[in-house]
Amino acid sequence: MPQFVPATAERGSSPVRSGFSLIEILIVAAILLLLAVFATPAISNTLRSSNLSRGGAIVRDTLDGARQMAISRNIPVTVSICRLPDDAGKATFN
């Protein structure tokens, strides 16, 4: 049967300390900071690649929609891709 050990082994001795010291916390903070520094470029590249893929999908969908409209109405359709002042690309077709 396990025996219970109190926080202080005997009267007058110093209590058993629990928790983390300042040095341990600073070391963990430094490690987290290093991980963040090295992870930031990878995350940035992933986001940039995702935006490029999303832009390609928008262009593809717009061209598909224009093709379907041209076939269904039996008329030529023009697709214009322009950049708006707020940097939001918008594709339109007539």
PDB file of N, CA and C in Angstrom:
ATOM      1  N   MET A   1       0.837  -1.162   0.000  1.00  0.00           N
ATOM      2  CA  MET A   1       0.000   0.000   0.000  1.00  0.00           C
ATOM      3  C   MET A   1       0.895   1.243   0.000  1.00  0.00           C
ATOM      4  N   PRO A   2       0.622   2.251  -0.932  1.00  0.00           N
ATOM      5  CA  PRO A   2       1.462   3.454  -0.970  1.00  0.00           C
ATOM      6  C   PRO A   2       1.311   4.256   0.316  1.00  0.00           C
ATOM      7  N   GLN A   3       2.396   4.898   0.666  1.00  0.00           N
ATOM      8  CA  GLN A   3       2.407   5.676   1.901  1.00  0.00           C
ATOM      9  C   GLN A   3       2.361   7.155   1.556  1.00  0.00           C
ATOM     10  N   PHE A   4       1.536   7.926   2.254  1.00  0.00           N
ATOM     11  CA  PHE A   4       1.406   9.355   2.033  1.00  0.00           C
ATOM     12  C   PHE A   4       2.628  10.067   2.593  1.00  0.00           C
ATOM     13  N   VAL A   5       3.247  10.943   1.787  1.00  0.00           N
ATOM     14  CA  VAL A   5       4.400  11.721   2.249  1.00  0.00           C
ATOM     15  C   VAL A   5       3.953  13.169   2.305  1.00  0.00           C
ATOM     16  N   PRO A   6       3.969  13.790   3.482  1.00  0.00           N
ATOM     17  CA  PRO A   6       3.533  15.185   3.597  1.00  0.00           C
ATOM     18  C   PRO A   6       4.504  16.126   2.892  1.00  0.00           C
ATOM     19  N   ALA A   7       4.047  17.377   2.683  1.00  0.00           N
ATOM     20  CA  ALA A   7       4.873  18.370   1.988  1.00  0.00           C
ATOM     21  C   ALA A   7       6.153  18.658   2.758  1.00  0.00           C
ATOM     22  N   THR A   8       6.131  18.617   4.061  1.00  0.00           N
ATOM     23  CA  THR A   8       7.355  18.807   4.855  1.00  0.00           C
ATOM     24  C   THR A   8       7.692  17.478   5.509  1.00  0.00           C
ATOM     25  N   ALA A   9       8.919  17.082   5.345  1.00  0.00           N
ATOM     26  CA  ALA A   9       9.330  15.776   5.848  1.00  0.00           C
ATOM     27  C   ALA A   9       9.334  15.732   7.370  1.00  0.00           C
ATOM     28  N   GLU A  10       9.765  16.779   7.986  1.00  0.00           N
ATOM     29  CA  GLU A  10       9.768  16.818   9.452  1.00  0.00           C
ATOM     30  C   GLU A  10       9.632  18.258   9.906  1.00  0.00           C
ATOM     31  N   ARG A  11       9.307  18.428  11.132  1.00  0.00           N
ATOM     32  CA  ARG A  11       9.087  19.762  11.686  1.00  0.00           C
ATOM     33  C   ARG A  11      10.373  20.581  11.617  1.00  0.00           C
ATOM     34  N   GLY A  12      10.262  21.795  11.088  1.00  0.00           N
ATOM     35  CA  GLY A  12      11.413  22.678  11.031  1.00  0.00           C
ATOM     36  C   GLY A  12      12.183  22.601   9.721  1.00  0.00           C
ATOM     37  N   SER A  13      11.963  21.578   8.914  1.00  0.00           N
ATOM     38  CA  SER A  13      12.685  21.510   7.638  1.00  0.00           C
ATOM     39  C   SER A  13      11.949  22.370   6.616  1.00  0.00           C
ATOM     40  N   SER A  14      12.643  22.729   5.551  1.00  0.00           N
ATOM     41  CA  SER A  14      12.028  23.590   4.543  1.00  0.00           C
ATOM     42  C   SER A  14      10.987  22.796   3.755  1.00  0.00           C
ATOM     43  N   PRO A  15       9.904  23.455   3.341  1.00  0.00           N
ATOM     44  CA  PRO A  15       8.857  22.752   2.602  1.00  0.00           C
ATOM     45  C   PRO A  15       9.352  22.333   1.216  1.00  0.00           C
ATOM     46  N   VAL A  16       8.772  21.289   0.690  1.00  0.00           N
ATOM     47  CA  VAL A  16       9.093  20.833  -0.660  1.00  0.00           C
ATOM     48  C   VAL A  16       8.471  21.840  -1.631  1.00  0.00           C
ATOM     49  N   ARG A  17       9.279  22.376  -2.550  1.00  0.00           N
ATOM     50  CA  ARG A  17       8.788  23.378  -3.489  1.00  0.00           C
ATOM     51  C   ARG A  17       8.195  22.709  -4.712  1.00  0.00           C
ATOM     52  N   SER A  18       7.080  23.238  -5.141  1.00  0.00           N
ATOM     53  CA  SER A  18       6.485  22.759  -6.388  1.00  0.00           C
ATOM     54  C   SER A  18       6.333  23.959  -7.312  1.00  0.00           C
ATOM     55  N   GLY A  19       6.251  23.707  -8.607  1.00  0.00           N
ATOM     56  CA  GLY A  19       6.146  24.787  -9.573  1.00  0.00           C
ATOM     57  C   GLY A  19       7.433  24.917 -10.364  1.00  0.00           C
ATOM     58  N   PHE A  20       7.556  26.040 -11.088  1.00  0.00           N
ATOM     59  CA  PHE A  20       8.697  26.252 -11.961  1.00  0.00           C
ATOM     60  C   PHE A  20       9.506  27.439 -11.474  1.00  0.00           C
ATOM     61  N   SER A  21      10.812  27.360 -11.662  1.00  0.00           N
ATOM     62  CA  SER A  21      11.672  28.488 -11.297  1.00  0.00           C
ATOM     63  C   SER A  21      11.675  29.498 -12.443  1.00  0.00           C
ATOM     64  N   LEU A  22      12.163  30.672 -12.178  1.00  0.00           N
ATOM     65  CA  LEU A  22      12.232  31.720 -13.193  1.00  0.00           C
ATOM     66  C   LEU A  22      13.119  31.289 -14.356  1.00  0.00           C
ATOM     67  N   ILE A  23      14.217  30.637 -14.073  1.00  0.00           N
ATOM     68  CA  ILE A  23      15.125  30.171 -15.120  1.00  0.00           C
ATOM     69  C   ILE A  23      14.418  29.170 -16.042  1.00  0.00           C
ATOM     70  N   GLU A  24      13.670  28.246 -15.470  1.00  0.00           N
ATOM     71  CA  GLU A  24      12.955  27.262 -16.288  1.00  0.00           C
ATOM     72  C   GLU A  24      11.931  27.943 -17.194  1.00  0.00           C
ATOM     73  N   ILE A  25      11.223  28.912 -16.667  1.00  0.00           N
ATOM     74  CA  ILE A  25      10.227  29.636 -17.465  1.00  0.00           C
ATOM     75  C   ILE A  25      10.903  30.415 -18.588  1.00  0.00           C
ATOM     76  N   LEU A  26      12.042  31.059 -18.292  1.00  0.00           N
ATOM     77  CA  LEU A  26      12.761  31.817 -19.315  1.00  0.00           C
ATOM     78  C   LEU A  26      13.301  30.903 -20.409  1.00  0.00           C
ATOM     79  N   ILE A  27      13.776  29.720 -20.048  1.00  0.00           N
ATOM     80  CA  ILE A  27      14.275  28.782 -21.054  1.00  0.00           C
ATOM     81  C   ILE A  27      13.143  28.326 -21.972  1.00  0.00           C
ATOM     82  N   VAL A  28      11.997  28.014 -21.391  1.00  0.00           N
ATOM     83  CA  VAL A  28      10.845  27.602 -22.206  1.00  0.00           C
ATOM     84  C   VAL A  28      10.402  28.751 -23.119  1.00  0.00           C
ATOM     85  N   ALA A  29      10.389  29.976 -22.605  1.00  0.00           N
ATOM     86  CA  ALA A  29      10.007  31.133 -23.415  1.00  0.00           C
ATOM     87  C   ALA A  29      10.990  31.325 -24.574  1.00  0.00           C
ATOM     88  N   ALA A  30      12.282  31.141 -24.315  1.00  0.00           N
ATOM     89  CA  ALA A  30      13.288  31.284 -25.371  1.00  0.00           C
ATOM     90  C   ALA A  30      13.100  30.210 -26.446  1.00  0.00           C
ATOM     91  N   ILE A  31      12.809  28.994 -26.033  1.00  0.00           N
ATOM     92  CA  ILE A  31      12.580  27.916 -27.002  1.00  0.00           C
ATOM     93  C   ILE A  31      11.349  28.213 -27.853  1.00  0.00           C
ATOM     94  N   LEU A  32      10.273  28.680 -27.223  1.00  0.00           N
ATOM     95  CA  LEU A  32       9.066  29.032 -27.977  1.00  0.00           C
ATOM     96  C   LEU A  32       9.325  30.169 -28.955  1.00  0.00           C
ATOM     97  N   LEU A  33      10.130  31.137 -28.532  1.00  0.00           N
ATOM     98  CA  LEU A  33      10.477  32.260 -29.402  1.00  0.00           C
ATOM     99  C   LEU A  33      11.259  31.762 -30.617  1.00  0.00           C
ATOM    100  N   LEU A  34      12.212  30.879 -30.401  1.00  0.00           N
ATOM    101  CA  LEU A  34      12.982  30.328 -31.522  1.00  0.00           C
ATOM    102  C   LEU A  34      12.087  29.554 -32.484  1.00  0.00           C
ATOM    103  N   LEU A  35      11.170  28.768 -31.949  1.00  0.00           N
ATOM    104  CA  LEU A  35      10.244  28.032 -32.801  1.00  0.00           C
ATOM    105  C   LEU A  35       9.383  28.992 -33.633  1.00  0.00           C
ATOM    106  N   ALA A  36       8.934  30.064 -33.008  1.00  0.00           N
ATOM    107  CA  ALA A  36       8.118  31.043 -33.728  1.00  0.00           C
ATOM    108  C   ALA A  36       8.919  31.723 -34.833  1.00  0.00           C
ATOM    109  N   VAL A  37      10.178  32.035 -34.554  1.00  0.00           N
ATOM    110  CA  VAL A  37      11.027  32.703 -35.555  1.00  0.00           C
ATOM    111  C   VAL A  37      11.235  31.797 -36.760  1.00  0.00           C
ATOM    112  N   PHE A  38      11.461  30.514 -36.525  1.00  0.00           N
ATOM    113  CA  PHE A  38      11.702  29.605 -37.636  1.00  0.00           C
ATOM    114  C   PHE A  38      10.411  29.194 -38.340  1.00  0.00           C
ATOM    115  N   ALA A  39       9.284  29.217 -37.667  1.00  0.00           N
ATOM    116  CA  ALA A  39       8.024  28.796 -38.265  1.00  0.00           C
ATOM    117  C   ALA A  39       7.383  29.902 -39.103  1.00  0.00           C
ATOM    118  N   THR A  40       7.669  31.156 -38.818  1.00  0.00           N
ATOM    119  CA  THR A  40       7.024  32.274 -39.505  1.00  0.00           C
ATOM    120  C   THR A  40       7.248  32.249 -41.017  1.00  0.00           C
ATOM    121  N   PRO A  41       8.466  32.067 -41.520  1.00  0.00           N
ATOM    122  CA  PRO A  41       8.629  32.030 -42.984  1.00  0.00           C
ATOM    123  C   PRO A  41       7.875  30.867 -43.627  1.00  0.00           C
ATOM    124  N   ALA A  42       7.844  29.728 -42.976  1.00  0.00           N
ATOM    125  CA  ALA A  42       7.137  28.583 -43.542  1.00  0.00           C
ATOM    126  C   ALA A  42       5.642  28.868 -43.632  1.00  0.00           C
ATOM    127  N   ILE A  43       5.087  29.471 -42.607  1.00  0.00           N
ATOM    128  CA  ILE A  43       3.660  29.809 -42.607  1.00  0.00           C
ATOM    129  C   ILE A  43       3.371  30.860 -43.677  1.00  0.00           C
ATOM    130  N   SER A  44       4.268  31.833 -43.811  1.00  0.00           N
ATOM    131  CA  SER A  44       4.099  32.882 -44.811  1.00  0.00           C
ATOM    132  C   SER A  44       4.097  32.296 -46.221  1.00  0.00           C
ATOM    133  N   ASN A  45       5.021  31.375 -46.495  1.00  0.00           N
ATOM    134  CA  ASN A  45       5.065  30.742 -47.820  1.00  0.00           C
ATOM    135  C   ASN A  45       3.815  29.915 -48.083  1.00  0.00           C
ATOM    136  N   THR A  46       3.319  29.239 -47.069  1.00  0.00           N
ATOM    137  CA  THR A  46       2.115  28.436 -47.224  1.00  0.00           C
ATOM    138  C   THR A  46       0.913  29.324 -47.546  1.00  0.00           C
ATOM    139  N   LEU A  47       0.789  30.447 -46.848  1.00  0.00           N
ATOM    140  CA  LEU A  47      -0.326  31.367 -47.115  1.00  0.00           C
ATOM    141  C   LEU A  47      -0.231  31.948 -48.521  1.00  0.00           C
ATOM    142  N   ARG A  48       0.984  32.311 -48.945  1.00  0.00           N
ATOM    143  CA  ARG A  48       1.173  32.867 -50.280  1.00  0.00           C
ATOM    144  C   ARG A  48       0.782  31.836 -51.340  1.00  0.00           C
ATOM    145  N   SER A  49       1.187  30.600 -51.143  1.00  0.00           N
ATOM    146  CA  SER A  49       0.852  29.532 -52.082  1.00  0.00           C
ATOM    147  C   SER A  49      -0.656  29.291 -52.116  1.00  0.00           C
ATOM    148  N   SER A  50      -1.282  29.359 -50.952  1.00  0.00           N
ATOM    149  CA  SER A  50      -2.728  29.167 -50.874  1.00  0.00           C
ATOM    150  C   SER A  50      -3.464  30.275 -51.624  1.00  0.00           C
ATOM    151  N   ASN A  51      -2.999  31.518 -51.476  1.00  0.00           N
ATOM    152  CA  ASN A  51      -3.630  32.635 -52.182  1.00  0.00           C
ATOM    153  C   ASN A  51      -3.479  32.479 -53.690  1.00  0.00           C
ATOM    154  N   LEU A  52      -2.314  32.006 -54.140  1.00  0.00           N
ATOM    155  CA  LEU A  52      -2.094  31.805 -55.561  1.00  0.00           C
ATOM    156  C   LEU A  52      -3.007  30.706 -56.096  1.00  0.00           C
ATOM    157  N   SER A  53      -3.138  29.623 -55.352  1.00  0.00           N
ATOM    158  CA  SER A  53      -4.024  28.533 -55.772  1.00  0.00           C
ATOM    159  C   SER A  53      -5.476  29.002 -55.838  1.00  0.00           C
ATOM    160  N   ARG A  54      -5.876  29.793 -54.842  1.00  0.00           N
ATOM    161  CA  ARG A  54      -7.248  30.306 -54.822  1.00  0.00           C
ATOM    162  C   ARG A  54      -7.486  31.234 -56.011  1.00  0.00           C
ATOM    163  N   GLY A  55      -6.498  32.065 -56.348  1.00  0.00           N
ATOM    164  CA  GLY A  55      -6.631  32.959 -57.499  1.00  0.00           C
ATOM    165  C   GLY A  55      -6.766  32.181 -58.793  1.00  0.00           C
ATOM    166  N   GLY A  56      -5.975  31.118 -58.928  1.00  0.00           N
ATOM    167  CA  GLY A  56      -6.080  30.275 -60.123  1.00  0.00           C
ATOM    168  C   GLY A  56      -7.437  29.617 -60.228  1.00  0.00           C
ATOM    169  N   ALA A  57      -7.981  29.178 -59.111  1.00  0.00           N
ATOM    170  CA  ALA A  57      -9.305  28.546 -59.105  1.00  0.00           C
ATOM    171  C   ALA A  57     -10.378  29.555 -59.506  1.00  0.00           C
ATOM    172  N   ILE A  58     -10.244  30.797 -59.060  1.00  0.00           N
ATOM    173  CA  ILE A  58     -11.224  31.834 -59.426  1.00  0.00           C
ATOM    174  C   ILE A  58     -11.194  32.080 -60.924  1.00  0.00           C
ATOM    175  N   VAL A  59      -9.985  32.177 -61.501  1.00  0.00           N
ATOM    176  CA  VAL A  59      -9.863  32.398 -62.950  1.00  0.00           C
ATOM    177  C   VAL A  59     -10.456  31.216 -63.712  1.00  0.00           C
ATOM    178  N   ARG A  60     -10.140  29.996 -63.292  1.00  0.00           N
ATOM    179  CA  ARG A  60     -10.658  28.794 -63.952  1.00  0.00           C
ATOM    180  C   ARG A  60     -12.190  28.771 -63.902  1.00  0.00           C
ATOM    181  N   ASP A  61     -12.762  29.050 -62.727  1.00  0.00           N
ATOM    182  CA  ASP A  61     -14.222  29.041 -62.587  1.00  0.00           C
ATOM    183  C   ASP A  61     -14.873  30.115 -63.446  1.00  0.00           C
ATOM    184  N   THR A  62     -14.228  31.274 -63.531  1.00  0.00           N
ATOM    185  CA  THR A  62     -14.770  32.359 -64.347  1.00  0.00           C
ATOM    186  C   THR A  62     -14.753  31.982 -65.818  1.00  0.00           C
ATOM    187  N   LEU A  63     -13.653  31.387 -66.270  1.00  0.00           N
ATOM    188  CA  LEU A  63     -13.575  30.966 -67.668  1.00  0.00           C
ATOM    189  C   LEU A  63     -14.586  29.861 -67.967  1.00  0.00           C
ATOM    190  N   ASP A  64     -14.780  28.943 -67.033  1.00  0.00           N
ATOM    191  CA  ASP A  64     -15.794  27.897 -67.212  1.00  0.00           C
ATOM    192  C   ASP A  64     -17.189  28.497 -67.306  1.00  0.00           C
ATOM    193  N   GLY A  65     -17.484  29.481 -66.454  1.00  0.00           N
ATOM    194  CA  GLY A  65     -18.793  30.138 -66.495  1.00  0.00           C
ATOM    195  C   GLY A  65     -19.016  30.878 -67.799  1.00  0.00           C
ATOM    196  N   ALA A  66     -17.959  31.540 -68.289  1.00  0.00           N
ATOM    197  CA  ALA A  66     -18.074  32.256 -69.561  1.00  0.00           C
ATOM    198  C   ALA A  66     -18.301  31.277 -70.710  1.00  0.00           C
ATOM    199  N   ARG A  67     -17.615  30.156 -70.680  1.00  0.00           N
ATOM    200  CA  ARG A  67     -17.788  29.138 -71.731  1.00  0.00           C
ATOM    201  C   ARG A  67     -19.217  28.603 -71.720  1.00  0.00           C
ATOM    202  N   GLN A  68     -19.732  28.309 -70.539  1.00  0.00           N
ATOM    203  CA  GLN A  68     -21.097  27.793 -70.445  1.00  0.00           C
ATOM    204  C   GLN A  68     -22.116  28.818 -70.946  1.00  0.00           C
ATOM    205  N   MET A  69     -21.866  30.106 -70.606  1.00  0.00           N
ATOM    206  CA  MET A  69     -22.779  31.156 -71.063  1.00  0.00           C
ATOM    207  C   MET A  69     -22.721  31.287 -72.579  1.00  0.00           C
ATOM    208  N   ALA A  70     -21.520  31.210 -73.155  1.00  0.00           N
ATOM    209  CA  ALA A  70     -21.384  31.329 -74.604  1.00  0.00           C
ATOM    210  C   ALA A  70     -22.084  30.178 -75.314  1.00  0.00           C
ATOM    211  N   ILE A  71     -21.955  28.975 -74.756  1.00  0.00           N
ATOM    212  CA  ILE A  71     -22.598  27.813 -75.378  1.00  0.00           C
ATOM    213  C   ILE A  71     -24.118  27.898 -75.249  1.00  0.00           C
ATOM    214  N   SER A  72     -24.606  28.264 -74.055  1.00  0.00           N
ATOM    215  CA  SER A  72     -26.058  28.278 -73.836  1.00  0.00           C
ATOM    216  C   SER A  72     -26.756  29.391 -74.617  1.00  0.00           C
ATOM    217  N   ARG A  73     -26.102  30.543 -74.775  1.00  0.00           N
ATOM    218  CA  ARG A  73     -26.726  31.659 -75.499  1.00  0.00           C
ATOM    219  C   ARG A  73     -26.309  31.719 -76.957  1.00  0.00           C
ATOM    220  N   ASN A  74     -25.324  30.916 -77.326  1.00  0.00           N
ATOM    221  CA  ASN A  74     -24.804  30.877 -78.686  1.00  0.00           C
ATOM    222  C   ASN A  74     -24.304  32.243 -79.146  1.00  0.00           C
ATOM    223  N   ILE A  75     -23.580  32.918 -78.274  1.00  0.00           N
ATOM    224  CA  ILE A  75     -22.983  34.223 -78.588  1.00  0.00           C
ATOM    225  C   ILE A  75     -21.539  34.247 -78.078  1.00  0.00           C
ATOM    226  N   PRO A  76     -20.709  35.112 -78.658  1.00  0.00           N
ATOM    227  CA  PRO A  76     -19.354  35.249 -78.126  1.00  0.00           C
ATOM    228  C   PRO A  76     -19.385  35.940 -76.757  1.00  0.00           C
ATOM    229  N   VAL A  77     -18.546  35.511 -75.864  1.00  0.00           N
ATOM    230  CA  VAL A  77     -18.469  36.082 -74.517  1.00  0.00           C
ATOM    231  C   VAL A  77     -17.041  36.535 -74.273  1.00  0.00           C
ATOM    232  N   THR A  78     -16.898  37.709 -73.697  1.00  0.00           N
ATOM    233  CA  THR A  78     -15.580  38.257 -73.384  1.00  0.00           C
ATOM    234  C   THR A  78     -15.355  38.193 -71.877  1.00  0.00           C
ATOM    235  N   VAL A  79     -14.169  37.788 -71.480  1.00  0.00           N
ATOM    236  CA  VAL A  79     -13.804  37.741 -70.064  1.00  0.00           C
ATOM    237  C   VAL A  79     -12.761  38.822 -69.823  1.00  0.00           C
ATOM    238  N   SER A  80     -13.011  39.667 -68.827  1.00  0.00           N
ATOM    239  CA  SER A  80     -12.059  40.718 -68.449  1.00  0.00           C
ATOM    240  C   SER A  80     -11.638  40.506 -67.000  1.00  0.00           C
ATOM    241  N   ILE A  81     -10.347  40.453 -66.780  1.00  0.00           N
ATOM    242  CA  ILE A  81      -9.824  40.325 -65.418  1.00  0.00           C
ATOM    243  C   ILE A  81      -9.119  41.627 -65.090  1.00  0.00           C
ATOM    244  N   CYS A  82      -9.621  42.331 -64.076  1.00  0.00           N
ATOM    245  CA  CYS A  82      -9.035  43.625 -63.726  1.00  0.00           C
ATOM    246  C   CYS A  82      -8.711  43.692 -62.242  1.00  0.00           C
ATOM    247  N   ARG A  83      -7.788  44.535 -61.925  1.00  0.00           N
ATOM    248  CA  ARG A  83      -7.426  44.768 -60.531  1.00  0.00           C
ATOM    249  C   ARG A  83      -8.133  46.039 -60.070  1.00  0.00           C
ATOM    250  N   LEU A  84      -8.840  45.917 -58.965  1.00  0.00           N
ATOM    251  CA  LEU A  84      -9.573  47.049 -58.412  1.00  0.00           C
ATOM    252  C   LEU A  84      -8.664  47.851 -57.493  1.00  0.00           C
ATOM    253  N   PRO A  85      -9.029  49.100 -57.202  1.00  0.00           N
ATOM    254  CA  PRO A  85      -8.177  49.929 -56.338  1.00  0.00           C
ATOM    255  C   PRO A  85      -7.911  49.326 -54.955  1.00  0.00           C
ATOM    256  N   ASP A  86      -8.842  48.538 -54.430  1.00  0.00           N
ATOM    257  CA  ASP A  86      -8.630  47.962 -53.103  1.00  0.00           C
ATOM    258  C   ASP A  86      -7.875  46.640 -53.171  1.00  0.00           C
ATOM    259  N   ASP A  87      -7.206  46.370 -54.301  1.00  0.00           N
ATOM    260  CA  ASP A  87      -6.391  45.174 -54.521  1.00  0.00           C
ATOM    261  C   ASP A  87      -7.196  43.887 -54.520  1.00  0.00           C
ATOM    262  N   ALA A  88      -8.498  43.973 -54.658  1.00  0.00           N
ATOM    263  CA  ALA A  88      -9.310  42.765 -54.753  1.00  0.00           C
ATOM    264  C   ALA A  88      -9.551  42.490 -56.226  1.00  0.00           C
ATOM    265  N   GLY A  89      -8.944  41.427 -56.723  1.00  0.00           N
ATOM    266  CA  GLY A  89      -9.128  41.090 -58.141  1.00  0.00           C
ATOM    267  C   GLY A  89     -10.545  40.616 -58.381  1.00  0.00           C
ATOM    268  N   LYS A  90     -11.136  41.053 -59.488  1.00  0.00           N
ATOM    269  CA  LYS A  90     -12.496  40.640 -59.797  1.00  0.00           C
ATOM    270  C   LYS A  90     -12.557  40.294 -61.263  1.00  0.00           C
ATOM    271  N   ALA A  91     -13.128  39.171 -61.553  1.00  0.00           N
ATOM    272  CA  ALA A  91     -13.292  38.751 -62.923  1.00  0.00           C
ATOM    273  C   ALA A  91     -14.740  38.956 -63.333  1.00  0.00           C
ATOM    274  N   THR A  92     -14.950  39.540 -64.509  1.00  0.00           N
ATOM    275  CA  THR A  92     -16.300  39.743 -65.021  1.00  0.00           C
ATOM    276  C   THR A  92     -16.351  39.252 -66.463  1.00  0.00           C
ATOM    277  N   PHE A  93     -17.522  38.862 -66.890  1.00  0.00           N
ATOM    278  CA  PHE A  93     -17.707  38.512 -68.299  1.00  0.00           C
ATOM    279  C   PHE A  93     -19.027  39.057 -68.775  1.00  0.00           C
ATOM    280  N   ASN A  94     -19.058  39.417 -70.095  1.00  0.00           N
ATOM    281  CA  ASN A  94     -20.245  40.014 -70.700  1.00  0.00           C
ATOM    282  C   ASN A  94     -20.729  39.104 -71.808  1.00  0.00           C
TER     283      ASN A  94
END
